[in-house]
Amino acid sequence: MVYESSTANPPAPMNVMSPQKTEIVQRLFDAFNARDLDGALRLLDPEILFEPVSGAVLNDGEPYRGLDGMRRYFADVQEHWLQLTVEPVYLREAGKAVVALGHAFGRSVAGTLDGVPATWVFKFKDGLVAHIQIFSDERLAREALGVR
């Protein structure tokens, strides 16, 4: 994993109670891959707006909103994917956001995602993730889920 700060100077020592944004994002990826809903919810703003590629397929094109929306997203993943993991390989703070570059791997009854490139943008509010947007190839997600 490569972490890069947007500043030229090295970051100041981190307060244990206030992790850097890249660390929060990595913990969120870890929670998702472990299907640790409670761990993920602790990192999210109550009014989280989540715009995954699969939202266009599984949520009638709508983003998932709030903590209940995230609970629904985890349930949708459980229902539609036999296996789904995300692998960030590069995290970078960009102003008030974190950008992650990586890959998605998944298997459903209808097909697979095999290292599909993805870009995640995480925005923060009061130290919690308040907005997540994922950019990838919606066509590949539709094919893997057998949805046209």
C-alpha atoms as a PDB file:
ATOM      1  CA  MET A   1       0.000   0.000   0.000  1.00  0.00           C
ATOM      2  CA  VAL A   2       1.360   3.424  -0.900  1.00  0.00           C
ATOM      3  CA  TYR A   3       0.335   6.384   1.221  1.00  0.00           C
ATOM      4  CA  GLU A   4       1.103   9.863   0.022  1.00  0.00           C
ATOM      5  CA  SER A   5       0.315  13.163   1.613  1.00  0.00           C
ATOM      6  CA  SER A   6      -0.562  16.155  -0.514  1.00  0.00           C
ATOM      7  CA  THR A   7       1.865  18.323   1.459  1.00  0.00           C
ATOM      8  CA  ALA A   8       5.600  18.618   0.819  1.00  0.00           C
ATOM      9  CA  ASN A   9       6.415  18.406   4.533  1.00  0.00           C
ATOM     10  CA  PRO A  10       6.070  15.169   6.463  1.00  0.00           C
ATOM     11  CA  PRO A  11       2.929  15.044   8.596  1.00  0.00           C
ATOM     12  CA  ALA A  12       3.116  16.039  12.236  1.00  0.00           C
ATOM     13  CA  PRO A  13       3.014  13.210  14.769  1.00  0.00           C
ATOM     14  CA  MET A  14      -0.458  11.769  14.798  1.00  0.00           C
ATOM     15  CA  ASN A  15      -2.686  12.005  17.834  1.00  0.00           C
ATOM     16  CA  VAL A  16      -3.905   8.499  18.713  1.00  0.00           C
ATOM     17  CA  MET A  17      -7.473   9.789  19.012  1.00  0.00           C
ATOM     18  CA  SER A  18      -7.361  11.482  15.595  1.00  0.00           C
ATOM     19  CA  PRO A  19      -6.133   9.101  12.872  1.00  0.00           C
ATOM     20  CA  GLN A  20      -5.099  10.453   9.521  1.00  0.00           C
ATOM     21  CA  LYS A  21      -7.696  10.314   6.785  1.00  0.00           C
ATOM     22  CA  THR A  22      -5.782   7.647   4.842  1.00  0.00           C
ATOM     23  CA  GLU A  23      -5.807   5.421   7.925  1.00  0.00           C
ATOM     24  CA  ILE A  24      -9.562   5.869   8.321  1.00  0.00           C
ATOM     25  CA  VAL A  25     -10.066   4.951   4.663  1.00  0.00           C
ATOM     26  CA  GLN A  26      -7.867   1.848   5.012  1.00  0.00           C
ATOM     27  CA  ARG A  27      -9.863   0.791   8.092  1.00  0.00           C
ATOM     28  CA  LEU A  28     -13.061   1.240   6.071  1.00  0.00           C
ATOM     29  CA  PHE A  29     -11.710  -0.978   3.269  1.00  0.00           C
ATOM     30  CA  ASP A  30     -10.700  -3.577   5.869  1.00  0.00           C
ATOM     31  CA  ALA A  31     -14.148  -3.477   7.489  1.00  0.00           C
ATOM     32  CA  PHE A  32     -15.869  -3.903   4.118  1.00  0.00           C
ATOM     33  CA  ASN A  33     -13.687  -6.865   3.125  1.00  0.00           C
ATOM     34  CA  ALA A  34     -14.332  -8.494   6.529  1.00  0.00           C
ATOM     35  CA  ARG A  35     -18.069  -7.684   6.244  1.00  0.00           C
ATOM     36  CA  ASP A  36     -17.731  -5.887   9.579  1.00  0.00           C
ATOM     37  CA  LEU A  37     -20.766  -3.632   9.358  1.00  0.00           C
ATOM     38  CA  ASP A  38     -20.398  -2.282  12.900  1.00  0.00           C
ATOM     39  CA  GLY A  39     -16.737  -1.445  12.276  1.00  0.00           C
ATOM     40  CA  ALA A  40     -17.647   0.365   9.062  1.00  0.00           C
ATOM     41  CA  LEU A  41     -20.514   2.303  10.642  1.00  0.00           C
ATOM     42  CA  ARG A  42     -18.171   3.697  13.339  1.00  0.00           C
ATOM     43  CA  LEU A  43     -16.138   5.396  10.589  1.00  0.00           C
ATOM     44  CA  LEU A  44     -19.104   6.982   8.799  1.00  0.00           C
ATOM     45  CA  ASP A  45     -20.977  10.223   9.270  1.00  0.00           C
ATOM     46  CA  PRO A  46     -24.654   9.527  10.107  1.00  0.00           C
ATOM     47  CA  GLU A  47     -25.639  11.306   6.877  1.00  0.00           C
ATOM     48  CA  ILE A  48     -23.180   9.375   4.671  1.00  0.00           C
ATOM     49  CA  LEU A  49     -23.823   9.501   0.936  1.00  0.00           C
ATOM     50  CA  PHE A  50     -22.453   6.392  -0.795  1.00  0.00           C
ATOM     51  CA  GLU A  51     -22.373   6.156  -4.593  1.00  0.00           C
ATOM     52  CA  PRO A  52     -21.029   2.722  -5.562  1.00  0.00           C
ATOM     53  CA  VAL A  53     -20.948   1.462  -9.137  1.00  0.00           C
ATOM     54  CA  SER A  54     -23.254  -1.366  -8.071  1.00  0.00           C
ATOM     55  CA  GLY A  55     -25.819   1.192  -6.880  1.00  0.00           C
ATOM     56  CA  ALA A  56     -26.755   1.700 -10.526  1.00  0.00           C
ATOM     57  CA  VAL A  57     -27.475  -2.025 -10.661  1.00  0.00           C
ATOM     58  CA  LEU A  58     -28.773  -2.932  -7.206  1.00  0.00           C
ATOM     59  CA  ASN A  59     -30.350   0.251  -5.863  1.00  0.00           C
ATOM     60  CA  ASP A  60     -32.337   1.526  -8.859  1.00  0.00           C
ATOM     61  CA  GLY A  61     -29.547   3.922  -9.771  1.00  0.00           C
ATOM     62  CA  GLU A  62     -29.803   5.689  -6.431  1.00  0.00           C
ATOM     63  CA  PRO A  63     -26.987   6.268  -3.942  1.00  0.00           C
ATOM     64  CA  TYR A  64     -27.189   4.722  -0.489  1.00  0.00           C
ATOM     65  CA  ARG A  65     -28.007   7.404   2.109  1.00  0.00           C
ATOM     66  CA  GLY A  66     -27.348   7.449   5.838  1.00  0.00           C
ATOM     67  CA  LEU A  67     -26.381   4.605   8.128  1.00  0.00           C
ATOM     68  CA  ASP A  68     -29.544   2.695   7.187  1.00  0.00           C
ATOM     69  CA  GLY A  69     -28.495   3.007   3.559  1.00  0.00           C
ATOM     70  CA  MET A  70     -25.125   1.490   4.427  1.00  0.00           C
ATOM     71  CA  ARG A  71     -26.867  -1.375   6.209  1.00  0.00           C
ATOM     72  CA  ARG A  72     -28.877  -1.922   3.026  1.00  0.00           C
ATOM     73  CA  TYR A  73     -25.701  -1.816   0.914  1.00  0.00           C
ATOM     74  CA  PHE A  74     -24.036  -4.499   3.050  1.00  0.00           C
ATOM     75  CA  ALA A  75     -27.225  -6.592   2.752  1.00  0.00           C
ATOM     76  CA  ASP A  76     -27.260  -6.094  -1.044  1.00  0.00           C
ATOM     77  CA  VAL A  77     -23.635  -7.236  -1.263  1.00  0.00           C
ATOM     78  CA  GLN A  78     -24.446 -10.310   0.828  1.00  0.00           C
ATOM     79  CA  GLU A  79     -27.473 -11.120  -1.325  1.00  0.00           C
ATOM     80  CA  HIS A  80     -25.957 -10.601  -4.781  1.00  0.00           C
ATOM     81  CA  TRP A  81     -22.285 -11.497  -4.451  1.00  0.00           C
ATOM     82  CA  LEU A  82     -20.815 -14.872  -3.519  1.00  0.00           C
ATOM     83  CA  GLN A  83     -17.546 -13.041  -2.960  1.00  0.00           C
ATOM     84  CA  LEU A  84     -16.583  -9.373  -3.301  1.00  0.00           C
ATOM     85  CA  THR A  85     -13.377  -7.717  -2.152  1.00  0.00           C
ATOM     86  CA  VAL A  86     -11.777  -4.394  -2.862  1.00  0.00           C
ATOM     87  CA  GLU A  87      -8.035  -3.877  -2.879  1.00  0.00           C
ATOM     88  CA  PRO A  88      -6.719  -0.338  -2.621  1.00  0.00           C
ATOM     89  CA  VAL A  89      -3.136  -0.099  -3.819  1.00  0.00           C
ATOM     90  CA  TYR A  90      -2.637   3.659  -3.556  1.00  0.00           C
ATOM     91  CA  LEU A  91      -4.134   6.151  -1.109  1.00  0.00           C
ATOM     92  CA  ARG A  92      -3.540   9.872  -1.301  1.00  0.00           C
ATOM     93  CA  GLU A  93      -4.891  12.780   0.674  1.00  0.00           C
ATOM     94  CA  ALA A  94      -6.135  15.468  -1.686  1.00  0.00           C
ATOM     95  CA  GLY A  95      -7.240  18.500   0.287  1.00  0.00           C
ATOM     96  CA  LYS A  96     -10.219  17.478   2.397  1.00  0.00           C
ATOM     97  CA  ALA A  97     -10.597  14.160   0.562  1.00  0.00           C
ATOM     98  CA  VAL A  98      -8.765  10.880   0.090  1.00  0.00           C
ATOM     99  CA  VAL A  99      -8.440   9.271  -3.326  1.00  0.00           C
ATOM    100  CA  ALA A 100      -7.839   5.521  -3.506  1.00  0.00           C
ATOM    101  CA  LEU A 101      -6.803   3.625  -6.611  1.00  0.00           C
ATOM    102  CA  GLY A 102      -7.174  -0.126  -6.673  1.00  0.00           C
ATOM    103  CA  HIS A 103      -9.086  -3.133  -7.911  1.00  0.00           C
ATOM    104  CA  ALA A 104     -12.335  -4.980  -7.273  1.00  0.00           C
ATOM    105  CA  PHE A 105     -12.583  -8.744  -7.280  1.00  0.00           C
ATOM    106  CA  GLY A 106     -15.942 -10.464  -7.186  1.00  0.00           C
ATOM    107  CA  ARG A 107     -17.871 -13.566  -7.994  1.00  0.00           C
ATOM    108  CA  SER A 108     -21.610 -13.916  -8.417  1.00  0.00           C
ATOM    109  CA  VAL A 109     -23.813 -16.646  -9.815  1.00  0.00           C
ATOM    110  CA  ALA A 110     -23.750 -14.818 -13.166  1.00  0.00           C
ATOM    111  CA  GLY A 111     -20.070 -13.925 -13.516  1.00  0.00           C
ATOM    112  CA  THR A 112     -16.900 -12.471 -12.094  1.00  0.00           C
ATOM    113  CA  LEU A 113     -14.938  -9.283 -11.646  1.00  0.00           C
ATOM    114  CA  ASP A 114     -11.255 -10.081 -11.926  1.00  0.00           C
ATOM    115  CA  GLY A 115      -9.176  -7.138 -10.797  1.00  0.00           C
ATOM    116  CA  VAL A 116     -11.394  -4.454 -12.294  1.00  0.00           C
ATOM    117  CA  PRO A 117      -9.712  -1.055 -11.822  1.00  0.00           C
ATOM    118  CA  ALA A 118     -11.569   1.296  -9.511  1.00  0.00           C
ATOM    119  CA  THR A 119     -11.116   4.765  -8.084  1.00  0.00           C
ATOM    120  CA  TRP A 120     -12.709   5.726  -4.781  1.00  0.00           C
ATOM    121  CA  VAL A 121     -13.100   9.305  -3.531  1.00  0.00           C
ATOM    122  CA  PHE A 122     -13.752   9.752   0.201  1.00  0.00           C
ATOM    123  CA  LYS A 123     -14.838  13.103   1.640  1.00  0.00           C
ATOM    124  CA  PHE A 124     -14.902  13.851   5.352  1.00  0.00           C
ATOM    125  CA  LYS A 125     -16.994  15.749   7.856  1.00  0.00           C
ATOM    126  CA  ASP A 126     -15.895  16.139  11.492  1.00  0.00           C
ATOM    127  CA  GLY A 127     -13.355  13.314  11.166  1.00  0.00           C
ATOM    128  CA  LEU A 128     -15.813  10.801   9.691  1.00  0.00           C
ATOM    129  CA  VAL A 129     -16.364   9.697   6.102  1.00  0.00           C
ATOM    130  CA  ALA A 130     -19.364  11.666   4.796  1.00  0.00           C
ATOM    131  CA  HIS A 131     -19.321  10.873   1.069  1.00  0.00           C
ATOM    132  CA  ILE A 132     -17.919   7.982  -0.954  1.00  0.00           C
ATOM    133  CA  GLN A 133     -18.011   7.863  -4.716  1.00  0.00           C
ATOM    134  CA  ILE A 134     -16.667   4.963  -6.761  1.00  0.00           C
ATOM    135  CA  PHE A 135     -15.641   5.213 -10.390  1.00  0.00           C
ATOM    136  CA  SER A 136     -15.265   2.059 -12.480  1.00  0.00           C
ATOM    137  CA  ASP A 137     -16.926   0.294 -15.354  1.00  0.00           C
ATOM    138  CA  GLU A 138     -20.653  -0.109 -14.687  1.00  0.00           C
ATOM    139  CA  ARG A 139     -20.965  -2.451 -17.679  1.00  0.00           C
ATOM    140  CA  LEU A 140     -18.632  -4.965 -16.015  1.00  0.00           C
ATOM    141  CA  ALA A 141     -20.617  -4.818 -12.765  1.00  0.00           C
ATOM    142  CA  ARG A 142     -23.853  -5.437 -14.680  1.00  0.00           C
ATOM    143  CA  GLU A 143     -22.330  -8.414 -16.504  1.00  0.00           C
ATOM    144  CA  ALA A 144     -20.965  -9.941 -13.301  1.00  0.00           C
ATOM    145  CA  LEU A 145     -24.391  -9.693 -11.687  1.00  0.00           C
ATOM    146  CA  GLY A 146     -26.269 -10.865 -14.766  1.00  0.00           C
ATOM    147  CA  VAL A 147     -28.228  -7.621 -15.031  1.00  0.00           C
ATOM    148  CA  ARG A 148     -28.673  -5.863 -18.377  1.00  0.00           C
END
